[in-house]
N, C-alpha and C. Protein backbone atom coordinates (compact mmCIF):
# COMPACT_ATOMS: atom_id res chain seq x y z
N MET A 1 46.48 -15.54 -8.12
CA MET A 1 45.14 -15.38 -7.52
C MET A 1 44.31 -16.62 -7.84
N THR A 2 43.65 -17.14 -6.87
CA THR A 2 42.83 -18.33 -7.05
C THR A 2 41.58 -17.99 -7.84
N SER A 3 41.32 -18.75 -8.89
CA SER A 3 40.14 -18.50 -9.70
C SER A 3 38.89 -18.96 -8.96
N ARG A 4 37.83 -18.20 -9.13
CA ARG A 4 36.57 -18.52 -8.46
C ARG A 4 35.62 -19.16 -9.46
N PRO A 5 34.75 -20.05 -9.01
CA PRO A 5 33.74 -20.60 -9.92
C PRO A 5 32.79 -19.51 -10.37
N VAL A 6 32.48 -19.51 -11.65
CA VAL A 6 31.58 -18.51 -12.22
C VAL A 6 30.15 -19.00 -12.11
N PRO A 7 29.27 -18.23 -11.47
CA PRO A 7 27.86 -18.65 -11.37
C PRO A 7 27.25 -18.83 -12.76
N GLY A 8 26.28 -19.72 -12.85
CA GLY A 8 25.66 -20.01 -14.14
C GLY A 8 25.01 -18.79 -14.78
N ALA A 9 24.34 -17.96 -13.97
CA ALA A 9 23.67 -16.78 -14.50
C ALA A 9 24.68 -15.80 -15.08
N VAL A 10 25.81 -15.65 -14.39
CA VAL A 10 26.86 -14.74 -14.89
C VAL A 10 27.44 -15.28 -16.18
N ARG A 11 27.66 -16.58 -16.23
CA ARG A 11 28.20 -17.18 -17.45
C ARG A 11 27.22 -17.02 -18.61
N ALA A 12 25.93 -17.20 -18.34
CA ALA A 12 24.93 -17.04 -19.40
C ALA A 12 24.90 -15.59 -19.91
N ALA A 13 24.99 -14.63 -18.98
CA ALA A 13 25.00 -13.23 -19.39
C ALA A 13 26.22 -12.93 -20.23
N ALA A 14 27.37 -13.47 -19.87
CA ALA A 14 28.59 -13.23 -20.63
C ALA A 14 28.49 -13.82 -22.03
N ILE A 15 27.91 -15.01 -22.14
CA ILE A 15 27.75 -15.62 -23.47
C ILE A 15 26.81 -14.79 -24.33
N ALA A 16 25.72 -14.30 -23.72
CA ALA A 16 24.78 -13.47 -24.46
C ALA A 16 25.45 -12.18 -24.94
N LEU A 17 26.23 -11.57 -24.07
CA LEU A 17 26.94 -10.35 -24.48
C LEU A 17 27.94 -10.64 -25.59
N GLY A 18 28.60 -11.79 -25.51
CA GLY A 18 29.51 -12.16 -26.59
C GLY A 18 28.80 -12.31 -27.92
N ALA A 19 27.55 -12.83 -27.87
CA ALA A 19 26.78 -12.98 -29.11
C ALA A 19 26.43 -11.64 -29.74
N LEU A 20 26.42 -10.58 -28.95
CA LEU A 20 26.12 -9.26 -29.49
C LEU A 20 27.17 -8.81 -30.51
N ALA A 21 28.37 -9.38 -30.43
CA ALA A 21 29.41 -9.04 -31.41
C ALA A 21 28.97 -9.43 -32.81
N PHE A 22 28.44 -10.65 -32.94
CA PHE A 22 27.98 -11.11 -34.25
C PHE A 22 26.78 -10.30 -34.73
N ILE A 23 25.84 -10.03 -33.81
CA ILE A 23 24.65 -9.26 -34.18
C ILE A 23 25.04 -7.84 -34.57
N GLY A 24 25.94 -7.23 -33.80
CA GLY A 24 26.37 -5.88 -34.12
C GLY A 24 27.06 -5.81 -35.47
N ALA A 25 27.92 -6.78 -35.75
CA ALA A 25 28.60 -6.81 -37.05
C ALA A 25 27.60 -6.96 -38.18
N THR A 26 26.57 -7.78 -37.95
CA THR A 26 25.53 -7.97 -38.97
C THR A 26 24.79 -6.67 -39.25
N LEU A 27 24.44 -5.94 -38.20
CA LEU A 27 23.74 -4.67 -38.37
C LEU A 27 24.60 -3.65 -39.11
N ILE A 28 25.88 -3.63 -38.82
CA ILE A 28 26.78 -2.71 -39.51
C ILE A 28 26.84 -3.05 -40.99
N VAL A 29 26.96 -4.34 -41.30
CA VAL A 29 27.00 -4.76 -42.71
C VAL A 29 25.71 -4.39 -43.42
N VAL A 30 24.57 -4.63 -42.76
CA VAL A 30 23.27 -4.29 -43.35
C VAL A 30 23.18 -2.79 -43.62
N GLY A 31 23.63 -1.99 -42.65
CA GLY A 31 23.59 -0.55 -42.83
C GLY A 31 24.47 -0.08 -43.97
N VAL A 32 25.66 -0.65 -44.08
CA VAL A 32 26.57 -0.27 -45.17
C VAL A 32 25.97 -0.67 -46.52
N LEU A 33 25.39 -1.86 -46.59
CA LEU A 33 24.76 -2.30 -47.83
C LEU A 33 23.62 -1.36 -48.24
N GLU A 34 22.86 -0.90 -47.24
CA GLU A 34 21.76 0.01 -47.55
C GLU A 34 22.29 1.35 -48.07
N ILE A 35 23.36 1.84 -47.47
CA ILE A 35 23.95 3.09 -47.96
C ILE A 35 24.41 2.94 -49.41
N LEU A 36 25.05 1.80 -49.70
CA LEU A 36 25.50 1.55 -51.07
C LEU A 36 24.31 1.49 -52.03
N TRP A 37 23.21 0.89 -51.57
CA TRP A 37 22.04 0.80 -52.44
C TRP A 37 21.45 2.18 -52.70
N TRP A 38 21.38 3.02 -51.67
CA TRP A 38 20.83 4.36 -51.85
C TRP A 38 21.66 5.20 -52.80
N ARG A 39 22.91 4.85 -53.00
CA ARG A 39 23.78 5.58 -53.92
C ARG A 39 23.86 4.92 -55.29
N SER A 40 23.02 3.90 -55.49
CA SER A 40 23.04 3.18 -56.76
C SER A 40 22.06 3.80 -57.76
N PRO A 41 22.20 3.46 -59.06
CA PRO A 41 21.24 3.94 -60.06
C PRO A 41 19.82 3.46 -59.82
N ASP A 42 19.67 2.28 -59.23
CA ASP A 42 18.33 1.77 -58.95
C ASP A 42 17.58 2.69 -57.99
N ALA A 43 18.27 3.14 -56.93
CA ALA A 43 17.63 4.03 -55.97
C ALA A 43 17.27 5.37 -56.63
N ALA A 44 18.13 5.85 -57.51
CA ALA A 44 17.85 7.11 -58.21
C ALA A 44 16.62 6.96 -59.11
N GLY A 45 16.54 5.83 -59.80
CA GLY A 45 15.38 5.58 -60.65
C GLY A 45 14.11 5.43 -59.85
N LEU A 46 14.23 4.82 -58.68
CA LEU A 46 13.06 4.65 -57.83
C LEU A 46 12.57 6.00 -57.31
N ALA A 47 13.50 6.91 -57.03
CA ALA A 47 13.12 8.24 -56.57
C ALA A 47 12.32 8.98 -57.64
N VAL A 48 12.69 8.80 -58.89
CA VAL A 48 11.96 9.42 -60.00
C VAL A 48 10.53 8.87 -60.06
N ILE A 49 10.39 7.56 -59.87
CA ILE A 49 9.06 6.94 -59.89
C ILE A 49 8.22 7.44 -58.72
N PHE A 50 8.82 7.53 -57.55
CA PHE A 50 8.10 8.03 -56.38
C PHE A 50 7.58 9.45 -56.62
N ASP A 51 8.41 10.29 -57.23
CA ASP A 51 7.99 11.67 -57.51
C ASP A 51 6.83 11.69 -58.50
N ARG A 52 6.89 10.82 -59.49
CA ARG A 52 5.83 10.76 -60.50
C ARG A 52 4.51 10.32 -59.86
N VAL A 53 4.58 9.30 -59.01
CA VAL A 53 3.38 8.81 -58.33
C VAL A 53 2.83 9.88 -57.39
N LYS A 54 3.71 10.58 -56.71
CA LYS A 54 3.29 11.64 -55.80
C LYS A 54 2.54 12.74 -56.54
N GLN A 55 3.06 13.15 -57.68
CA GLN A 55 2.43 14.21 -58.46
C GLN A 55 1.10 13.77 -59.06
N THR A 56 1.00 12.50 -59.41
CA THR A 56 -0.20 12.01 -60.07
C THR A 56 -1.29 11.60 -59.09
N TYR A 57 -0.91 10.84 -58.07
CA TYR A 57 -1.91 10.26 -57.17
C TYR A 57 -1.80 10.78 -55.74
N GLY A 58 -0.78 11.55 -55.44
CA GLY A 58 -0.63 12.09 -54.09
C GLY A 58 -0.13 11.09 -53.06
N LEU A 59 0.42 9.97 -53.51
CA LEU A 59 0.92 8.96 -52.59
C LEU A 59 2.35 9.28 -52.18
N ASP A 60 2.59 9.27 -50.87
CA ASP A 60 3.95 9.48 -50.38
C ASP A 60 4.76 8.21 -50.55
N ARG A 61 6.05 8.37 -50.62
CA ARG A 61 6.95 7.21 -50.74
C ARG A 61 6.83 6.34 -49.49
N PRO A 62 7.15 5.05 -49.58
CA PRO A 62 7.07 4.17 -48.41
C PRO A 62 7.93 4.69 -47.27
N ALA A 63 7.32 4.82 -46.11
CA ALA A 63 8.05 5.38 -44.96
C ALA A 63 9.18 4.46 -44.49
N MET A 64 9.07 3.17 -44.79
CA MET A 64 10.12 2.25 -44.39
C MET A 64 11.41 2.48 -45.17
N LEU A 65 11.31 3.11 -46.32
CA LEU A 65 12.51 3.47 -47.09
C LEU A 65 12.99 4.82 -46.55
N ARG A 66 13.76 4.76 -45.47
CA ARG A 66 14.11 5.97 -44.73
C ARG A 66 15.34 6.68 -45.26
N GLY A 67 15.97 6.13 -46.27
CA GLY A 67 17.13 6.78 -46.84
C GLY A 67 18.41 6.46 -46.08
N VAL A 68 19.44 7.26 -46.36
CA VAL A 68 20.74 7.03 -45.74
C VAL A 68 20.66 7.18 -44.22
N GLY A 69 19.76 8.05 -43.74
CA GLY A 69 19.62 8.23 -42.30
C GLY A 69 19.21 6.96 -41.59
N GLY A 70 18.30 6.20 -42.20
CA GLY A 70 17.90 4.93 -41.61
C GLY A 70 19.04 3.94 -41.57
N ALA A 71 19.87 3.94 -42.61
CA ALA A 71 21.04 3.06 -42.61
C ALA A 71 22.02 3.47 -41.52
N GLY A 72 22.16 4.77 -41.29
CA GLY A 72 23.04 5.24 -40.23
C GLY A 72 22.58 4.79 -38.86
N VAL A 73 21.26 4.73 -38.67
CA VAL A 73 20.71 4.26 -37.39
C VAL A 73 21.10 2.79 -37.17
N LEU A 74 20.99 1.98 -38.22
CA LEU A 74 21.38 0.57 -38.10
C LEU A 74 22.85 0.43 -37.74
N ILE A 75 23.70 1.23 -38.37
CA ILE A 75 25.12 1.18 -38.07
C ILE A 75 25.38 1.59 -36.62
N ALA A 76 24.66 2.60 -36.15
CA ALA A 76 24.81 3.03 -34.76
C ALA A 76 24.42 1.91 -33.80
N PHE A 77 23.31 1.22 -34.10
CA PHE A 77 22.91 0.08 -33.27
C PHE A 77 24.02 -0.97 -33.23
N GLY A 78 24.60 -1.23 -34.40
CA GLY A 78 25.65 -2.24 -34.48
C GLY A 78 26.89 -1.86 -33.68
N VAL A 79 27.27 -0.58 -33.74
CA VAL A 79 28.44 -0.13 -33.00
C VAL A 79 28.22 -0.26 -31.49
N VAL A 80 27.03 0.13 -31.03
CA VAL A 80 26.72 0.00 -29.60
C VAL A 80 26.74 -1.47 -29.17
N ALA A 81 26.17 -2.33 -30.02
CA ALA A 81 26.16 -3.75 -29.70
C ALA A 81 27.58 -4.31 -29.62
N LEU A 82 28.44 -3.89 -30.53
CA LEU A 82 29.84 -4.33 -30.47
C LEU A 82 30.51 -3.85 -29.18
N GLY A 83 30.22 -2.61 -28.79
CA GLY A 83 30.79 -2.10 -27.56
C GLY A 83 30.34 -2.89 -26.34
N LEU A 84 29.05 -3.23 -26.30
CA LEU A 84 28.54 -4.01 -25.18
C LEU A 84 29.14 -5.42 -25.15
N SER A 85 29.40 -5.98 -26.33
CA SER A 85 29.98 -7.33 -26.36
C SER A 85 31.35 -7.36 -25.71
N GLY A 86 32.05 -6.22 -25.73
CA GLY A 86 33.36 -6.16 -25.09
C GLY A 86 33.31 -6.26 -23.57
N LEU A 87 32.12 -6.16 -22.99
CA LEU A 87 31.97 -6.27 -21.54
C LEU A 87 31.76 -7.70 -21.07
N ALA A 88 31.70 -8.64 -22.02
CA ALA A 88 31.41 -10.04 -21.64
C ALA A 88 32.46 -10.59 -20.68
N TRP A 89 33.72 -10.41 -21.02
CA TRP A 89 34.77 -11.00 -20.17
C TRP A 89 34.89 -10.29 -18.83
N PRO A 90 34.86 -8.94 -18.77
CA PRO A 90 34.88 -8.30 -17.44
C PRO A 90 33.72 -8.71 -16.56
N ILE A 91 32.55 -8.90 -17.14
CA ILE A 91 31.42 -9.36 -16.33
C ILE A 91 31.66 -10.77 -15.83
N ARG A 92 32.21 -11.62 -16.68
CA ARG A 92 32.51 -12.99 -16.26
C ARG A 92 33.53 -12.99 -15.11
N ASP A 93 34.42 -11.99 -15.10
CA ASP A 93 35.42 -11.89 -14.03
C ASP A 93 34.88 -11.22 -12.77
N GLY A 94 33.64 -10.70 -12.83
CA GLY A 94 33.03 -10.13 -11.63
C GLY A 94 33.23 -8.65 -11.44
N HIS A 95 33.52 -7.91 -12.52
CA HIS A 95 33.71 -6.47 -12.40
C HIS A 95 32.35 -5.77 -12.28
N GLN A 96 32.16 -5.03 -11.20
CA GLN A 96 30.89 -4.33 -11.00
C GLN A 96 30.69 -3.23 -12.03
N TRP A 97 31.75 -2.52 -12.41
CA TRP A 97 31.60 -1.43 -13.38
C TRP A 97 31.11 -1.97 -14.72
N ALA A 98 31.57 -3.17 -15.09
CA ALA A 98 31.14 -3.77 -16.35
C ALA A 98 29.67 -4.15 -16.29
N ARG A 99 29.25 -4.70 -15.14
CA ARG A 99 27.85 -5.08 -15.00
C ARG A 99 26.95 -3.85 -15.07
N THR A 100 27.33 -2.78 -14.39
CA THR A 100 26.52 -1.57 -14.40
C THR A 100 26.45 -0.96 -15.80
N THR A 101 27.60 -0.89 -16.47
CA THR A 101 27.64 -0.34 -17.83
C THR A 101 26.79 -1.16 -18.78
N ALA A 102 26.88 -2.48 -18.66
CA ALA A 102 26.12 -3.36 -19.55
C ALA A 102 24.62 -3.21 -19.32
N VAL A 103 24.22 -3.15 -18.06
CA VAL A 103 22.78 -3.02 -17.75
C VAL A 103 22.23 -1.72 -18.31
N VAL A 104 22.92 -0.61 -18.06
CA VAL A 104 22.45 0.68 -18.55
C VAL A 104 22.43 0.70 -20.08
N GLY A 105 23.50 0.20 -20.69
CA GLY A 105 23.57 0.20 -22.15
C GLY A 105 22.50 -0.67 -22.80
N MET A 106 22.27 -1.86 -22.24
CA MET A 106 21.29 -2.76 -22.83
C MET A 106 19.87 -2.25 -22.64
N ILE A 107 19.57 -1.66 -21.49
CA ILE A 107 18.23 -1.09 -21.29
C ILE A 107 17.98 0.02 -22.30
N GLY A 108 18.96 0.90 -22.47
CA GLY A 108 18.81 1.97 -23.45
C GLY A 108 18.66 1.43 -24.86
N LEU A 109 19.44 0.41 -25.20
CA LEU A 109 19.38 -0.17 -26.54
C LEU A 109 18.04 -0.83 -26.79
N VAL A 110 17.54 -1.57 -25.81
CA VAL A 110 16.25 -2.24 -25.96
C VAL A 110 15.13 -1.22 -26.18
N VAL A 111 15.17 -0.13 -25.42
CA VAL A 111 14.13 0.90 -25.56
C VAL A 111 14.19 1.54 -26.94
N VAL A 112 15.39 1.96 -27.37
CA VAL A 112 15.52 2.67 -28.65
C VAL A 112 15.19 1.75 -29.82
N VAL A 113 15.74 0.53 -29.80
CA VAL A 113 15.46 -0.41 -30.91
C VAL A 113 14.00 -0.82 -30.89
N GLY A 114 13.43 -1.01 -29.70
CA GLY A 114 12.02 -1.37 -29.63
C GLY A 114 11.12 -0.29 -30.19
N VAL A 115 11.43 0.97 -29.89
CA VAL A 115 10.65 2.08 -30.45
C VAL A 115 10.81 2.12 -31.96
N ASP A 116 12.02 1.89 -32.45
CA ASP A 116 12.26 1.90 -33.89
C ASP A 116 11.47 0.80 -34.59
N ILE A 117 11.49 -0.40 -34.01
CA ILE A 117 10.73 -1.51 -34.60
C ILE A 117 9.24 -1.23 -34.52
N GLY A 118 8.78 -0.73 -33.38
CA GLY A 118 7.36 -0.45 -33.22
C GLY A 118 6.86 0.61 -34.17
N SER A 119 7.66 1.64 -34.41
CA SER A 119 7.24 2.69 -35.35
C SER A 119 7.14 2.14 -36.76
N ASP A 120 8.05 1.23 -37.12
CA ASP A 120 7.97 0.62 -38.45
C ASP A 120 6.70 -0.22 -38.59
N LEU A 121 6.36 -0.95 -37.53
CA LEU A 121 5.20 -1.84 -37.60
C LEU A 121 3.88 -1.06 -37.59
N VAL A 122 3.84 0.03 -36.83
CA VAL A 122 2.58 0.75 -36.62
C VAL A 122 2.39 1.91 -37.59
N LEU A 123 3.46 2.68 -37.79
CA LEU A 123 3.32 3.94 -38.53
C LEU A 123 3.83 3.87 -39.96
N ALA A 124 4.85 3.10 -40.19
CA ALA A 124 5.52 3.15 -41.50
C ALA A 124 4.77 2.33 -42.55
N THR A 125 4.86 2.83 -43.78
CA THR A 125 4.28 2.14 -44.94
C THR A 125 5.36 1.30 -45.59
N SER A 126 5.09 0.00 -45.78
CA SER A 126 6.07 -0.88 -46.39
C SER A 126 6.01 -0.76 -47.91
N PRO A 127 7.09 -1.15 -48.60
CA PRO A 127 7.06 -1.15 -50.07
C PRO A 127 5.92 -1.99 -50.63
N ALA A 128 5.60 -3.10 -49.96
CA ALA A 128 4.52 -3.96 -50.46
C ALA A 128 3.17 -3.23 -50.39
N THR A 129 2.94 -2.52 -49.28
CA THR A 129 1.70 -1.74 -49.16
C THR A 129 1.66 -0.63 -50.20
N TYR A 130 2.80 -0.01 -50.44
CA TYR A 130 2.88 1.08 -51.40
C TYR A 130 2.55 0.59 -52.82
N THR A 131 3.14 -0.52 -53.20
CA THR A 131 2.88 -1.04 -54.54
C THR A 131 1.42 -1.46 -54.70
N ALA A 132 0.82 -1.98 -53.61
CA ALA A 132 -0.60 -2.35 -53.67
C ALA A 132 -1.46 -1.11 -53.88
N GLU A 133 -1.11 0.00 -53.23
CA GLU A 133 -1.87 1.23 -53.41
C GLU A 133 -1.69 1.78 -54.82
N VAL A 134 -0.48 1.69 -55.34
CA VAL A 134 -0.24 2.14 -56.71
C VAL A 134 -1.07 1.32 -57.69
N ALA A 135 -1.11 0.01 -57.48
CA ALA A 135 -1.88 -0.86 -58.37
C ALA A 135 -3.37 -0.56 -58.31
N SER A 136 -3.86 -0.16 -57.12
CA SER A 136 -5.29 0.16 -57.01
C SER A 136 -5.61 1.47 -57.73
N PHE A 137 -4.69 2.42 -57.73
CA PHE A 137 -4.91 3.68 -58.42
C PHE A 137 -4.69 3.55 -59.93
N ASP A 138 -3.75 2.70 -60.30
CA ASP A 138 -3.36 2.60 -61.71
C ASP A 138 -3.25 1.13 -62.11
N PRO A 139 -4.39 0.43 -62.19
CA PRO A 139 -4.34 -1.02 -62.48
C PRO A 139 -3.78 -1.32 -63.87
N GLN A 140 -3.89 -0.39 -64.79
CA GLN A 140 -3.40 -0.61 -66.15
C GLN A 140 -1.92 -0.27 -66.30
N GLY A 141 -1.34 0.35 -65.29
CA GLY A 141 0.07 0.71 -65.37
C GLY A 141 0.35 1.81 -66.36
N ARG A 142 -0.57 2.78 -66.49
CA ARG A 142 -0.36 3.87 -67.46
C ARG A 142 0.68 4.87 -66.98
N VAL A 143 0.68 5.17 -65.68
CA VAL A 143 1.66 6.11 -65.13
C VAL A 143 2.94 5.38 -64.71
N VAL A 144 2.78 4.30 -64.01
CA VAL A 144 3.92 3.50 -63.57
C VAL A 144 3.46 2.06 -63.36
N ARG A 145 4.31 1.13 -63.71
CA ARG A 145 3.98 -0.27 -63.50
C ARG A 145 4.57 -0.75 -62.17
N VAL A 146 3.79 -1.57 -61.47
CA VAL A 146 4.27 -2.12 -60.20
C VAL A 146 5.54 -2.92 -60.42
N GLU A 147 5.62 -3.60 -61.54
CA GLU A 147 6.81 -4.40 -61.84
C GLU A 147 8.06 -3.55 -61.91
N ASP A 148 7.91 -2.32 -62.40
CA ASP A 148 9.07 -1.43 -62.48
C ASP A 148 9.57 -1.04 -61.09
N ILE A 149 8.62 -0.83 -60.17
CA ILE A 149 9.01 -0.50 -58.79
C ILE A 149 9.70 -1.68 -58.14
N GLN A 150 9.12 -2.84 -58.30
CA GLN A 150 9.67 -4.04 -57.67
C GLN A 150 11.05 -4.37 -58.21
N ALA A 151 11.28 -4.10 -59.49
CA ALA A 151 12.58 -4.40 -60.10
C ALA A 151 13.69 -3.51 -59.55
N LEU A 152 13.33 -2.30 -59.08
CA LEU A 152 14.34 -1.36 -58.60
C LEU A 152 14.56 -1.44 -57.09
N LEU A 153 13.66 -2.09 -56.36
CA LEU A 153 13.81 -2.20 -54.92
C LEU A 153 15.00 -3.09 -54.57
N TYR A 154 15.50 -2.91 -53.34
CA TYR A 154 16.61 -3.74 -52.89
C TYR A 154 16.16 -5.20 -52.81
N PRO A 155 17.10 -6.15 -52.76
CA PRO A 155 16.75 -7.57 -52.75
C PRO A 155 15.78 -7.92 -51.62
N ALA A 156 14.98 -8.95 -51.85
CA ALA A 156 13.96 -9.33 -50.88
C ALA A 156 14.56 -9.80 -49.56
N TRP A 157 15.79 -10.31 -49.59
CA TRP A 157 16.39 -10.82 -48.36
C TRP A 157 16.84 -9.69 -47.44
N TYR A 158 17.00 -8.50 -47.98
CA TYR A 158 17.54 -7.41 -47.16
C TYR A 158 16.62 -7.04 -45.99
N PRO A 159 15.34 -6.71 -46.22
CA PRO A 159 14.49 -6.37 -45.06
C PRO A 159 14.33 -7.53 -44.09
N TRP A 160 14.37 -8.76 -44.61
CA TRP A 160 14.29 -9.92 -43.73
C TRP A 160 15.50 -9.98 -42.81
N LEU A 161 16.70 -9.77 -43.36
CA LEU A 161 17.92 -9.80 -42.55
C LEU A 161 17.93 -8.66 -41.53
N GLU A 162 17.46 -7.49 -41.94
CA GLU A 162 17.39 -6.34 -41.03
C GLU A 162 16.46 -6.63 -39.86
N ASP A 163 15.29 -7.18 -40.15
CA ASP A 163 14.33 -7.46 -39.09
C ASP A 163 14.85 -8.53 -38.13
N VAL A 164 15.46 -9.58 -38.69
CA VAL A 164 15.99 -10.65 -37.85
C VAL A 164 17.10 -10.13 -36.94
N ALA A 165 18.00 -9.30 -37.49
CA ALA A 165 19.11 -8.78 -36.70
C ALA A 165 18.61 -7.88 -35.57
N GLN A 166 17.65 -7.00 -35.86
CA GLN A 166 17.14 -6.12 -34.81
C GLN A 166 16.36 -6.91 -33.76
N GLY A 167 15.56 -7.88 -34.21
CA GLY A 167 14.83 -8.71 -33.26
C GLY A 167 15.77 -9.51 -32.37
N ALA A 168 16.83 -10.07 -32.98
CA ALA A 168 17.80 -10.84 -32.19
C ALA A 168 18.52 -9.94 -31.20
N LEU A 169 18.79 -8.69 -31.60
CA LEU A 169 19.44 -7.74 -30.70
C LEU A 169 18.61 -7.51 -29.44
N VAL A 170 17.32 -7.29 -29.63
CA VAL A 170 16.44 -7.05 -28.48
C VAL A 170 16.34 -8.31 -27.60
N LEU A 171 16.14 -9.46 -28.22
CA LEU A 171 15.97 -10.70 -27.45
C LEU A 171 17.23 -11.05 -26.66
N VAL A 172 18.40 -10.90 -27.27
CA VAL A 172 19.64 -11.23 -26.58
C VAL A 172 19.89 -10.27 -25.42
N CYS A 173 19.60 -8.99 -25.65
CA CYS A 173 19.76 -8.01 -24.56
C CYS A 173 18.82 -8.31 -23.40
N VAL A 174 17.57 -8.66 -23.70
CA VAL A 174 16.61 -8.99 -22.64
C VAL A 174 17.08 -10.23 -21.88
N PHE A 175 17.56 -11.22 -22.60
CA PHE A 175 18.06 -12.44 -21.95
C PHE A 175 19.24 -12.11 -21.03
N ALA A 176 20.17 -11.30 -21.51
CA ALA A 176 21.33 -10.94 -20.69
C ALA A 176 20.91 -10.15 -19.46
N LEU A 177 19.94 -9.25 -19.62
CA LEU A 177 19.44 -8.48 -18.48
C LEU A 177 18.80 -9.40 -17.44
N LEU A 178 18.01 -10.37 -17.89
CA LEU A 178 17.40 -11.32 -16.96
C LEU A 178 18.45 -12.15 -16.24
N ALA A 179 19.48 -12.56 -16.99
CA ALA A 179 20.55 -13.34 -16.38
C ALA A 179 21.30 -12.53 -15.33
N LEU A 180 21.58 -11.26 -15.65
CA LEU A 180 22.26 -10.41 -14.67
C LEU A 180 21.37 -10.12 -13.47
N GLY A 181 20.06 -10.01 -13.71
CA GLY A 181 19.14 -9.83 -12.60
C GLY A 181 19.13 -11.04 -11.68
N LYS A 182 19.14 -12.21 -12.27
CA LYS A 182 19.20 -13.43 -11.47
C LYS A 182 20.50 -13.51 -10.68
N ALA A 183 21.60 -13.10 -11.34
CA ALA A 183 22.89 -13.12 -10.66
C ALA A 183 22.91 -12.15 -9.49
N ALA A 184 22.23 -11.00 -9.67
CA ALA A 184 22.19 -10.02 -8.59
C ALA A 184 21.44 -10.55 -7.37
N VAL A 185 20.48 -11.45 -7.60
CA VAL A 185 19.68 -11.99 -6.49
C VAL A 185 20.37 -13.19 -5.85
N TRP A 186 20.83 -14.11 -6.70
CA TRP A 186 21.34 -15.38 -6.19
C TRP A 186 22.87 -15.43 -6.06
N SER A 187 23.56 -14.52 -6.73
CA SER A 187 25.03 -14.55 -6.68
C SER A 187 25.57 -13.15 -6.45
N GLU A 188 24.94 -12.42 -5.56
CA GLU A 188 25.33 -11.02 -5.32
C GLU A 188 26.78 -10.92 -4.87
N GLY A 189 27.20 -11.87 -4.05
CA GLY A 189 28.57 -11.83 -3.53
C GLY A 189 29.62 -12.01 -4.58
N TYR A 190 29.27 -12.57 -5.73
CA TYR A 190 30.27 -12.79 -6.77
C TYR A 190 30.85 -11.47 -7.26
N PHE A 191 30.00 -10.50 -7.48
CA PHE A 191 30.49 -9.20 -7.94
C PHE A 191 31.10 -8.40 -6.79
N LYS A 192 30.55 -8.53 -5.59
CA LYS A 192 31.13 -7.82 -4.46
C LYS A 192 32.53 -8.33 -4.13
N ALA A 193 32.75 -9.63 -4.36
CA ALA A 193 34.06 -10.21 -4.06
C ALA A 193 34.95 -10.25 -5.29
N GLY A 194 34.54 -9.56 -6.35
CA GLY A 194 35.29 -9.58 -7.58
C GLY A 194 36.51 -8.70 -7.53
N PRO A 195 37.22 -8.60 -8.64
CA PRO A 195 38.45 -7.81 -8.69
C PRO A 195 38.24 -6.36 -8.29
N ASP A 196 37.06 -5.80 -8.59
CA ASP A 196 36.82 -4.41 -8.24
C ASP A 196 36.77 -4.19 -6.75
N ALA A 197 36.50 -5.23 -6.00
CA ALA A 197 36.31 -5.08 -4.56
C ALA A 197 37.59 -5.33 -3.77
N ARG A 198 38.70 -5.64 -4.47
CA ARG A 198 39.91 -5.94 -3.74
C ARG A 198 40.43 -4.74 -2.95
N THR A 199 40.29 -3.55 -3.54
CA THR A 199 40.71 -2.34 -2.82
C THR A 199 39.84 -2.13 -1.58
N ASP A 200 38.51 -2.32 -1.77
CA ASP A 200 37.60 -2.19 -0.63
C ASP A 200 37.93 -3.20 0.46
N ASP A 201 38.27 -4.43 0.04
CA ASP A 201 38.61 -5.45 1.02
C ASP A 201 39.88 -5.06 1.79
N ALA A 202 40.84 -4.47 1.10
CA ALA A 202 42.09 -4.06 1.76
C ALA A 202 41.81 -2.96 2.79
N TRP A 203 40.99 -1.99 2.39
CA TRP A 203 40.63 -0.93 3.34
C TRP A 203 39.83 -1.50 4.50
N GLY A 204 38.94 -2.45 4.21
CA GLY A 204 38.17 -3.07 5.27
C GLY A 204 39.06 -3.79 6.27
N ALA A 205 40.11 -4.47 5.75
CA ALA A 205 41.03 -5.17 6.64
C ALA A 205 41.80 -4.19 7.52
N LYS A 206 42.21 -3.07 6.92
CA LYS A 206 42.92 -2.05 7.70
C LYS A 206 42.03 -1.46 8.78
N LEU A 207 40.77 -1.16 8.40
CA LEU A 207 39.84 -0.60 9.38
C LEU A 207 39.58 -1.59 10.51
N ALA A 208 39.44 -2.88 10.15
CA ALA A 208 39.22 -3.89 11.18
C ALA A 208 40.41 -3.99 12.13
N LYS A 209 41.63 -3.86 11.56
CA LYS A 209 42.83 -3.92 12.39
C LYS A 209 42.90 -2.73 13.35
N ILE A 210 42.57 -1.53 12.83
CA ILE A 210 42.57 -0.34 13.67
C ILE A 210 41.53 -0.47 14.77
N ARG A 211 40.35 -1.00 14.40
CA ARG A 211 39.28 -1.18 15.39
C ARG A 211 39.71 -2.16 16.48
N GLU A 212 40.39 -3.22 16.06
CA GLU A 212 40.85 -4.22 17.03
C GLU A 212 41.89 -3.62 17.96
N GLU A 213 42.79 -2.81 17.43
CA GLU A 213 43.80 -2.17 18.28
C GLU A 213 43.18 -1.21 19.27
N ASN A 214 42.17 -0.48 18.80
CA ASN A 214 41.47 0.45 19.71
C ASN A 214 40.78 -0.29 20.84
N GLN A 215 40.20 -1.43 20.50
CA GLN A 215 39.52 -2.22 21.53
C GLN A 215 40.52 -2.73 22.56
N ARG A 216 41.70 -3.15 22.10
CA ARG A 216 42.73 -3.62 23.03
C ARG A 216 43.21 -2.49 23.92
N ARG A 217 43.36 -1.29 23.32
CA ARG A 217 43.82 -0.14 24.09
C ARG A 217 42.80 0.24 25.16
N ASP A 218 41.52 0.17 24.79
CA ASP A 218 40.46 0.52 25.75
C ASP A 218 40.39 -0.50 26.88
N ALA A 219 40.70 -1.76 26.54
CA ALA A 219 40.64 -2.78 27.57
C ALA A 219 41.81 -2.62 28.55
């Protein structure tokens, strides 16, 4: 079969989808690391401090520390991203089913991840905000010292890596969607003439032949 030139927009979308493999793997690693941290002695000690602060000052634990469930959400995002990355080559080859699956999957992923990020930014209390509130209630550190909380929290690079991975996931998906949208406008025939359309083309040829024979018979 003669290879066809791949339109630039399709190639860009395929590259973006391929990049989702790295992002998805990163999210899975981050989620696994968080699960391991929640099962560590540091997390258990932090839970004791949170309970003490709650009983004394009525402060709830930081909402951003969502527990093992939050880590599971990150792993789920990573698995979906890995699945979408597997569509890069079929899309490059012009498979319509791959394009449709990728578009639906990426739109859903962007919405869900965007809501998750937005809720963290708007509604959730960060550990930094929590420690500042504790310090305002107990500046002398009689009930709990801020330093003790900070010493038990996960490494500072962890939330940074989580935020970067989720942000990159959304941006790459949006870029791929725009590229596929451009391809749908300027290179629509690429997918119609792709491997998925060979059966349709064969049926079309047969129908055209039958139509031609009927015309000859009528003449």
